[in-house]
Amino acid sequence: MDENRKYSLRELTLYFLKLGTIGFGGPVALVGYMHKDLVENRKWISEDEYREGLALAQLAPGPLAAQLGIYIGFVHYRFLGATLIGFAFVLPSFLMVLVLGIIYRLYGGLSWIQAVFYGVGAAVIGIIALSSYKLTLKSIGKFNWDSLKSKWILWLFFIFAVIITYLTEQEQVLLFVAAGLLYMIIKAPPKWLNIKTINSYTLILLFTGFWDFENSTLTKIAVFFIKAGTFVFGSGLAIVPFLHSGVVIENQWLSEQQFLDSVAVAMITPGPVVITVGFIGYLVNGFFGALVAALATFLPCYIFTIIMAPSFKKIAQNKPVKAFVEGITAVVVGALVGSVAVIAKRSIIDIPTALIAIAAIFALLYIKKIQEPYIIAAAAVLGVIIKLR
């Protein structure tokens, strides 16, 4: 443990408890708050430590802000720090979505609640659509000739994922893993990799029964959300296609409208967007469903961080690892775009919902410093006016 630390574990835990309670604006805003508060103002974390944590959060799977928070907890207080900070950051928003889940279950059938979510659901489509566009720019680049020439493989993965997701309305996990491995083999094949090992790993991936658990609902929830949490790269919204496929299509735990309402709930609460899993878990199987869903989703993020953090500088320079992440990210973002199209075709049901979705996009593009909760609130008011007039 570093004796030169300038803060106690209690102080850091209270800071993340506060950030998890009032931190609106999504992952980019949250990591910005951490830099301003912990690096610039309080000087608890050095610039190098912050950058290393941000690089790890971008390289490894997991919601960006939560993973950076866990890493900051690990910097000076190791395992205990990572654990406490992870719980402190997620707990406030988890409790909020739990309360909202209870209210939703009790009053979801009332006309005014339905009217609220009529407008909110349309706004969410606009917000997710714009976020998926920004993720595409960040992960692959602009769709122009130079980008196509230099990154044509990633664009091919992206377009293929969009089409497959839209047509099948399901997430193909093996497609993500295969894309990562293929891009690694093409761009930066590791020395230990040969045809024999490739064939062995492919057989393991194809025939493993890991994805086919058929036990109790809680067990199914745990397995499904661990799988979902393992493939969240860069933004909490990247989990949307996994959740939509598994929750609505495969397991039929929620209806299309309930799923869209779940995403909306994540937008109006502070902390990580991924916390929508708590709301979904509650609707599926009550309090324990919410608890298991949340723990299972954040478990991969936590494990990856504490395993990679001690030797991250060495891992970050590993070209095969970088190539694998680039390949899998292109497919994940493509799946997000495809899932937006799938959800939109069922949720944009008339001219008012289409206009609300478009208005949400333009508001985020042209109104400086506006945050998603304000757009959600305005959409809720519009929904009530339209449906209950």
Protein backbone atom coordinates (compact mmCIF):
# COMPACT_ATOMS: atom_id res chain seq x y z
CA MET A 1 0.00 0.00 0.00
CA ASP A 2 1.35 3.44 -0.98
CA GLU A 3 2.37 5.46 2.07
CA ASN A 4 2.39 8.72 0.06
CA ARG A 5 -1.36 8.76 -0.49
CA LYS A 6 -3.05 12.05 0.39
CA TYR A 7 -6.46 10.73 1.38
CA SER A 8 -8.05 8.02 3.46
CA LEU A 9 -10.07 5.15 2.07
CA ARG A 10 -13.08 6.56 3.90
CA GLU A 11 -12.71 9.92 2.12
CA LEU A 12 -12.42 8.26 -1.29
CA THR A 13 -15.40 6.00 -0.60
CA LEU A 14 -17.55 8.97 0.46
CA TYR A 15 -16.52 10.84 -2.70
CA PHE A 16 -17.68 7.99 -4.96
CA LEU A 17 -20.85 7.57 -2.93
CA LYS A 18 -21.57 11.25 -3.64
CA LEU A 19 -20.64 10.94 -7.33
CA GLY A 20 -22.89 7.92 -7.69
CA THR A 21 -25.73 9.93 -6.14
CA ILE A 22 -25.50 13.18 -8.12
CA GLY A 23 -23.33 12.30 -11.14
CA PHE A 24 -25.50 12.81 -14.21
CA GLY A 25 -24.41 13.03 -17.82
CA GLY A 26 -23.24 9.55 -18.78
CA PRO A 27 -19.76 7.97 -18.83
CA VAL A 28 -17.90 10.86 -20.48
CA ALA A 29 -19.23 13.34 -17.91
CA LEU A 30 -18.51 10.99 -15.00
CA VAL A 31 -14.87 10.39 -15.94
CA GLY A 32 -14.57 14.17 -16.41
CA TYR A 33 -15.84 14.77 -12.88
CA MET A 34 -13.26 12.31 -11.54
CA HIS A 35 -10.42 14.12 -13.29
CA LYS A 36 -11.54 17.55 -12.14
CA ASP A 37 -12.19 16.52 -8.53
CA LEU A 38 -9.48 13.94 -7.85
CA VAL A 39 -6.62 15.05 -10.12
CA GLU A 40 -6.99 18.82 -10.53
CA ASN A 41 -8.67 20.01 -7.32
CA ARG A 42 -7.82 17.52 -4.56
CA LYS A 43 -4.67 16.08 -6.17
CA TRP A 44 -5.36 12.66 -4.65
CA ILE A 45 -4.55 10.88 -7.92
CA SER A 46 -1.70 11.81 -10.24
CA GLU A 47 -2.27 12.60 -13.91
CA ASP A 48 -0.34 9.46 -14.90
CA GLU A 49 -2.43 7.25 -12.60
CA TYR A 50 -5.63 8.73 -14.00
CA ARG A 51 -4.55 8.25 -17.62
CA GLU A 52 -3.46 4.70 -16.95
CA GLY A 53 -6.84 3.94 -15.37
CA LEU A 54 -8.70 5.53 -18.29
CA ALA A 55 -6.65 3.52 -20.79
CA LEU A 56 -7.42 0.31 -18.90
CA ALA A 57 -11.13 1.18 -18.80
CA GLN A 58 -11.13 1.68 -22.57
CA LEU A 59 -9.14 -1.46 -23.30
CA ALA A 60 -10.93 -3.97 -21.05
CA PRO A 61 -14.65 -4.83 -21.05
CA GLY A 62 -16.84 -3.02 -18.56
CA PRO A 63 -18.74 0.27 -18.25
CA LEU A 64 -16.16 3.05 -18.61
CA ALA A 65 -16.91 5.19 -15.53
CA ALA A 66 -17.39 2.27 -13.14
CA GLN A 67 -14.18 0.64 -14.29
CA LEU A 68 -12.17 3.84 -13.89
CA GLY A 69 -13.62 4.27 -10.40
CA ILE A 70 -12.64 0.73 -9.43
CA TYR A 71 -9.13 1.34 -10.76
CA ILE A 72 -8.78 4.58 -8.77
CA GLY A 73 -9.80 2.64 -5.67
CA PHE A 74 -7.13 0.06 -6.51
CA VAL A 75 -4.29 2.59 -7.01
CA HIS A 76 -3.47 3.14 -3.33
CA TYR A 77 -5.76 0.72 -1.50
CA ARG A 78 -5.58 -2.35 -3.74
CA PHE A 79 -8.25 -5.05 -3.39
CA LEU A 80 -10.15 -3.43 -0.51
CA GLY A 81 -10.15 -0.03 -2.22
CA ALA A 82 -11.38 -1.43 -5.54
CA THR A 83 -14.17 -3.34 -3.78
CA LEU A 84 -15.42 -0.46 -1.62
CA ILE A 85 -15.28 2.10 -4.45
CA GLY A 86 -17.11 -0.24 -6.81
CA PHE A 87 -19.95 -0.71 -4.32
CA ALA A 88 -20.05 2.97 -3.32
CA PHE A 89 -20.27 4.17 -6.92
CA VAL A 90 -23.02 1.75 -7.98
CA LEU A 91 -25.11 1.58 -4.77
CA PRO A 92 -26.98 4.93 -5.00
CA SER A 93 -28.22 4.40 -8.56
CA PHE A 94 -29.06 0.76 -7.78
CA LEU A 95 -31.30 1.85 -4.89
CA MET A 96 -32.91 4.47 -7.12
CA VAL A 97 -33.77 2.04 -9.91
CA LEU A 98 -35.04 -0.41 -7.30
CA VAL A 99 -37.49 2.20 -5.97
CA LEU A 100 -38.49 3.10 -9.53
CA GLY A 101 -39.02 -0.59 -10.26
CA ILE A 102 -41.38 -0.89 -7.29
CA ILE A 103 -43.33 2.19 -8.45
CA TYR A 104 -43.41 0.91 -12.01
CA ARG A 105 -44.79 -2.46 -10.92
CA LEU A 106 -47.47 -0.83 -8.77
CA TYR A 107 -48.60 1.90 -11.15
CA GLY A 108 -47.32 0.86 -14.58
CA GLY A 109 -50.81 0.04 -15.77
CA LEU A 110 -52.20 3.51 -15.07
CA SER A 111 -52.91 5.69 -18.09
CA TRP A 112 -50.76 8.62 -16.92
CA ILE A 113 -47.72 6.37 -16.41
CA GLN A 114 -48.24 4.92 -19.88
CA ALA A 115 -48.50 8.44 -21.26
CA VAL A 116 -45.24 9.42 -19.56
CA PHE A 117 -43.36 6.48 -21.04
CA TYR A 118 -44.96 7.05 -24.46
CA GLY A 119 -42.95 10.26 -24.72
CA VAL A 120 -39.93 9.04 -22.77
CA GLY A 121 -39.52 5.91 -24.89
CA ALA A 122 -39.36 7.95 -28.08
CA ALA A 123 -36.76 10.30 -26.58
CA VAL A 124 -34.65 7.34 -25.50
CA ILE A 125 -34.56 6.08 -29.08
CA GLY A 126 -33.16 9.45 -30.16
CA ILE A 127 -30.59 9.49 -27.36
CA ILE A 128 -29.38 5.95 -28.08
CA ALA A 129 -29.26 6.60 -31.83
CA LEU A 130 -27.01 9.64 -31.35
CA SER A 131 -24.85 7.78 -28.80
CA SER A 132 -24.36 4.87 -31.20
CA TYR A 133 -23.29 7.34 -33.91
CA LYS A 134 -20.74 8.95 -31.58
CA LEU A 135 -19.46 5.53 -30.50
CA THR A 136 -18.98 4.60 -34.15
CA LEU A 137 -16.92 7.77 -34.76
CA LYS A 138 -14.85 7.12 -31.64
CA SER A 139 -14.28 3.41 -32.26
CA ILE A 140 -13.79 3.25 -36.04
CA GLY A 141 -13.85 6.81 -37.40
CA LYS A 142 -15.82 8.77 -39.97
CA PHE A 143 -17.33 6.84 -42.86
CA ASN A 144 -15.13 8.25 -45.63
CA TRP A 145 -12.70 6.97 -48.23
CA ASP A 146 -9.58 7.34 -46.05
CA SER A 147 -11.20 5.49 -43.17
CA LEU A 148 -12.49 2.76 -45.48
CA LYS A 149 -9.01 2.22 -46.92
CA SER A 150 -7.19 2.09 -43.60
CA LYS A 151 -9.84 0.33 -41.51
CA TRP A 152 -11.83 -1.67 -44.06
CA ILE A 153 -11.77 -4.82 -41.95
CA LEU A 154 -13.27 -3.01 -38.96
CA TRP A 155 -15.94 -1.42 -41.21
CA LEU A 156 -16.70 -4.87 -42.60
CA PHE A 157 -17.15 -6.23 -39.06
CA PHE A 158 -19.31 -3.23 -38.15
CA ILE A 159 -21.63 -3.51 -41.18
CA PHE A 160 -21.91 -7.27 -40.82
CA ALA A 161 -22.88 -6.89 -37.14
CA VAL A 162 -25.51 -4.25 -38.00
CA ILE A 163 -27.11 -6.53 -40.61
CA ILE A 164 -26.97 -9.72 -38.51
CA THR A 165 -28.41 -7.97 -35.44
CA TYR A 166 -31.22 -6.36 -37.44
CA LEU A 167 -32.17 -9.55 -39.28
CA THR A 168 -31.92 -12.03 -36.40
CA GLU A 169 -32.85 -9.60 -33.57
CA GLN A 170 -30.39 -11.54 -31.42
CA GLU A 171 -26.86 -11.10 -30.17
CA GLN A 172 -24.32 -13.58 -31.51
CA VAL A 173 -21.70 -13.71 -28.76
CA LEU A 174 -19.45 -16.06 -30.72
CA LEU A 175 -19.48 -13.54 -33.58
CA PHE A 176 -17.95 -10.95 -31.24
CA VAL A 177 -15.24 -13.29 -29.99
CA ALA A 178 -14.51 -14.53 -33.53
CA ALA A 179 -14.17 -10.95 -34.82
CA GLY A 180 -11.71 -10.09 -32.06
CA LEU A 181 -9.62 -13.20 -32.68
CA LEU A 182 -9.69 -12.78 -36.47
CA TYR A 183 -8.58 -9.14 -36.31
CA MET A 184 -5.83 -10.09 -33.86
CA ILE A 185 -4.61 -12.85 -36.20
CA ILE A 186 -4.61 -10.49 -39.20
CA LYS A 187 -3.12 -7.40 -37.54
CA ALA A 188 -0.88 -8.66 -34.74
CA PRO A 189 -0.75 -12.45 -34.39
CA PRO A 190 0.82 -13.42 -31.05
CA LYS A 191 3.90 -15.65 -31.17
CA TRP A 192 2.20 -18.47 -29.28
CA LEU A 193 -0.69 -18.68 -31.75
CA ASN A 194 -0.67 -21.30 -34.49
CA ILE A 195 -3.28 -23.19 -36.54
CA LYS A 196 -3.51 -25.97 -33.98
CA THR A 197 -4.31 -23.62 -31.09
CA ILE A 198 -6.75 -21.64 -33.27
CA ASN A 199 -8.67 -24.81 -34.04
CA SER A 200 -8.66 -25.85 -30.39
CA TYR A 201 -10.02 -22.53 -29.15
CA THR A 202 -12.63 -22.45 -31.91
CA LEU A 203 -13.89 -25.90 -30.90
CA ILE A 204 -14.04 -24.86 -27.24
CA LEU A 205 -16.04 -21.75 -28.11
CA LEU A 206 -18.43 -23.57 -30.41
CA PHE A 207 -19.20 -26.59 -28.28
CA THR A 208 -19.00 -25.32 -24.74
CA GLY A 209 -22.27 -25.64 -22.85
CA PHE A 210 -21.56 -22.51 -20.82
CA TRP A 211 -24.37 -20.54 -22.46
CA ASP A 212 -27.03 -23.23 -22.06
CA PHE A 213 -27.90 -23.27 -18.36
CA GLU A 214 -31.51 -24.27 -17.69
CA ASN A 215 -31.80 -23.98 -13.94
CA SER A 216 -33.82 -21.59 -11.79
CA THR A 217 -34.68 -18.08 -12.92
CA LEU A 218 -32.04 -16.55 -10.64
CA THR A 219 -29.37 -18.80 -12.11
CA LYS A 220 -30.46 -17.90 -15.62
CA ILE A 221 -30.39 -14.21 -14.68
CA ALA A 222 -26.86 -14.56 -13.24
CA VAL A 223 -25.47 -16.38 -16.27
CA PHE A 224 -27.12 -14.04 -18.75
CA PHE A 225 -25.97 -10.83 -17.06
CA ILE A 226 -22.41 -12.07 -16.53
CA LYS A 227 -22.30 -12.75 -20.26
CA ALA A 228 -23.70 -9.29 -20.99
CA GLY A 229 -21.27 -7.56 -18.62
CA THR A 230 -18.33 -9.27 -20.30
CA PHE A 231 -18.99 -7.54 -23.61
CA VAL A 232 -19.60 -3.92 -22.57
CA PHE A 233 -16.83 -1.89 -24.20
CA GLY A 234 -16.49 1.88 -23.68
CA SER A 235 -20.07 2.87 -22.95
CA GLY A 236 -22.86 1.46 -20.84
CA LEU A 237 -25.14 1.75 -23.86
CA ALA A 238 -23.13 -1.01 -25.53
CA ILE A 239 -25.02 -3.42 -23.28
CA VAL A 240 -28.37 -2.49 -24.86
CA PRO A 241 -28.26 -4.99 -27.76
CA PHE A 242 -27.34 -7.85 -25.40
CA LEU A 243 -30.12 -6.97 -23.02
CA HIS A 244 -32.71 -6.51 -25.76
CA SER A 245 -31.87 -9.84 -27.36
CA GLY A 246 -31.82 -11.84 -24.14
CA VAL A 247 -34.53 -10.12 -22.12
CA VAL A 248 -37.12 -9.50 -24.84
CA ILE A 249 -36.46 -12.02 -27.64
CA GLU A 250 -34.86 -15.13 -26.13
CA ASN A 251 -36.19 -15.34 -22.56
CA GLN A 252 -39.25 -13.11 -23.06
CA TRP A 253 -38.90 -11.75 -19.55
CA LEU A 254 -40.09 -8.28 -20.59
CA SER A 255 -42.20 -6.79 -23.36
CA GLU A 256 -40.69 -4.38 -25.89
CA GLN A 257 -42.25 -1.41 -24.08
CA GLN A 258 -41.04 -2.57 -20.66
CA PHE A 259 -37.51 -2.89 -22.02
CA LEU A 260 -37.57 0.60 -23.48
CA ASP A 261 -38.92 1.92 -20.17
CA SER A 262 -36.00 0.20 -18.43
CA VAL A 263 -33.49 2.03 -20.61
CA ALA A 264 -35.34 5.29 -19.90
CA VAL A 265 -35.02 4.69 -16.16
CA ALA A 266 -31.25 4.39 -16.56
CA MET A 267 -31.21 7.72 -18.37
CA ILE A 268 -32.95 9.63 -15.59
CA THR A 269 -30.85 8.24 -12.73
CA PRO A 270 -27.25 9.27 -11.89
CA GLY A 271 -24.29 6.92 -12.03
CA PRO A 272 -23.53 4.29 -14.69
CA VAL A 273 -26.12 3.71 -17.44
CA VAL A 274 -25.59 -0.03 -17.04
CA ILE A 275 -27.58 0.16 -13.79
CA THR A 276 -30.69 -0.41 -15.92
CA VAL A 277 -29.96 -4.09 -15.24
CA GLY A 278 -31.17 -3.59 -11.66
CA PHE A 279 -34.53 -2.31 -12.90
CA ILE A 280 -34.81 -5.18 -15.38
CA GLY A 281 -33.85 -7.74 -12.74
CA TYR A 282 -36.51 -6.38 -10.38
CA LEU A 283 -39.25 -6.61 -13.01
CA VAL A 284 -38.20 -10.18 -13.81
CA ASN A 285 -37.74 -11.60 -10.32
CA GLY A 286 -38.17 -9.00 -7.58
CA PHE A 287 -35.42 -7.75 -5.25
CA PHE A 288 -33.16 -10.80 -5.62
CA GLY A 289 -33.51 -10.60 -9.38
CA ALA A 290 -32.33 -6.97 -9.23
CA LEU A 291 -29.45 -7.81 -6.90
CA VAL A 292 -28.23 -10.80 -8.91
CA ALA A 293 -28.53 -8.91 -12.22
CA ALA A 294 -26.52 -5.94 -10.91
CA LEU A 295 -23.82 -8.03 -9.23
CA ALA A 296 -23.46 -10.31 -12.26
CA THR A 297 -23.16 -7.38 -14.68
CA PHE A 298 -20.47 -5.55 -12.71
CA LEU A 299 -18.53 -8.69 -11.71
CA PRO A 300 -16.57 -9.04 -15.01
CA CYS A 301 -15.65 -5.34 -14.91
CA TYR A 302 -14.38 -5.70 -11.34
CA ILE A 303 -12.42 -8.89 -12.02
CA PHE A 304 -10.80 -7.57 -15.20
CA THR A 305 -9.71 -4.40 -13.41
CA ILE A 306 -8.07 -5.99 -10.36
CA ILE A 307 -6.38 -8.65 -12.53
CA MET A 308 -5.05 -6.27 -15.17
CA ALA A 309 -4.19 -3.25 -12.99
CA PRO A 310 -0.90 -4.51 -11.46
CA SER A 311 0.68 -5.25 -14.85
CA PHE A 312 -1.38 -2.98 -17.07
CA LYS A 313 1.55 -1.01 -18.51
CA LYS A 314 2.90 -4.21 -20.00
CA ILE A 315 -0.53 -5.36 -21.20
CA ALA A 316 -1.30 -1.96 -22.76
CA GLN A 317 1.72 -2.29 -25.06
CA ASN A 318 0.67 -5.75 -26.23
CA LYS A 319 -0.30 -5.38 -29.90
CA PRO A 320 -2.33 -8.62 -30.11
CA VAL A 321 -4.44 -7.51 -27.12
CA LYS A 322 -5.05 -4.11 -28.73
CA ALA A 323 -6.02 -5.74 -32.02
CA PHE A 324 -8.43 -8.14 -30.28
CA VAL A 325 -10.14 -5.23 -28.51
CA GLU A 326 -10.37 -3.20 -31.75
CA GLY A 327 -11.99 -6.10 -33.58
CA ILE A 328 -14.51 -6.90 -30.88
CA THR A 329 -15.37 -3.22 -30.35
CA ALA A 330 -16.24 -2.75 -34.03
CA VAL A 331 -18.72 -5.63 -33.84
CA VAL A 332 -20.19 -4.50 -30.50
CA VAL A 333 -20.82 -0.99 -31.84
CA GLY A 334 -22.33 -2.46 -35.01
CA ALA A 335 -24.65 -4.58 -32.87
CA LEU A 336 -25.68 -1.45 -30.96
CA VAL A 337 -26.61 0.30 -34.20
CA GLY A 338 -28.54 -2.77 -35.35
CA SER A 339 -30.40 -3.01 -32.05
CA VAL A 340 -31.36 0.68 -32.21
CA ALA A 341 -33.01 -0.03 -35.58
CA VAL A 342 -34.80 -3.09 -34.16
CA ILE A 343 -36.13 -1.23 -31.12
CA ALA A 344 -37.02 1.88 -33.13
CA LYS A 345 -39.19 0.03 -35.63
CA ARG A 346 -41.37 -1.16 -32.74
CA SER A 347 -41.24 1.97 -30.60
CA ILE A 348 -41.61 4.80 -33.13
CA ILE A 349 -45.26 4.04 -33.76
CA ASP A 350 -46.63 7.37 -35.03
CA ILE A 351 -45.71 10.91 -36.08
CA PRO A 352 -45.49 12.33 -32.49
CA THR A 353 -43.02 9.64 -31.35
CA ALA A 354 -40.92 10.17 -34.48
CA LEU A 355 -40.85 13.92 -33.86
CA ILE A 356 -39.91 13.46 -30.18
CA ALA A 357 -37.02 11.15 -31.15
CA ILE A 358 -35.75 13.64 -33.75
CA ALA A 359 -36.14 16.54 -31.31
CA ALA A 360 -34.07 14.65 -28.71
CA ILE A 361 -31.24 14.21 -31.23
CA PHE A 362 -31.26 17.88 -32.25
CA ALA A 363 -31.42 19.02 -28.63
CA LEU A 364 -28.28 17.04 -27.76
CA LEU A 365 -26.51 18.27 -30.90
CA TYR A 366 -27.34 21.97 -30.75
CA ILE A 367 -28.19 22.90 -27.15
CA LYS A 368 -24.94 23.23 -25.25
CA LYS A 369 -24.56 21.51 -21.87
CA ILE A 370 -28.05 19.98 -21.95
CA GLN A 371 -28.16 16.61 -20.21
CA GLU A 372 -30.28 13.56 -20.92
CA PRO A 373 -32.46 13.81 -17.78
CA TYR A 374 -33.79 17.21 -18.96
CA ILE A 375 -34.67 15.76 -22.35
CA ILE A 376 -36.35 12.78 -20.68
CA ALA A 377 -38.38 15.12 -18.44
CA ALA A 378 -39.50 17.23 -21.41
CA ALA A 379 -40.46 14.10 -23.33
CA ALA A 380 -42.49 12.84 -20.35
CA VAL A 381 -44.46 16.11 -20.26
CA LEU A 382 -45.06 15.93 -24.01
CA GLY A 383 -46.22 12.32 -23.66
CA VAL A 384 -48.81 13.29 -21.05
CA ILE A 385 -50.02 16.25 -23.14
CA ILE A 386 -50.37 14.15 -26.29
CA LYS A 387 -51.98 11.06 -24.74
CA LEU A 388 -54.21 12.64 -22.08
CA ARG A 389 -55.42 15.76 -23.83
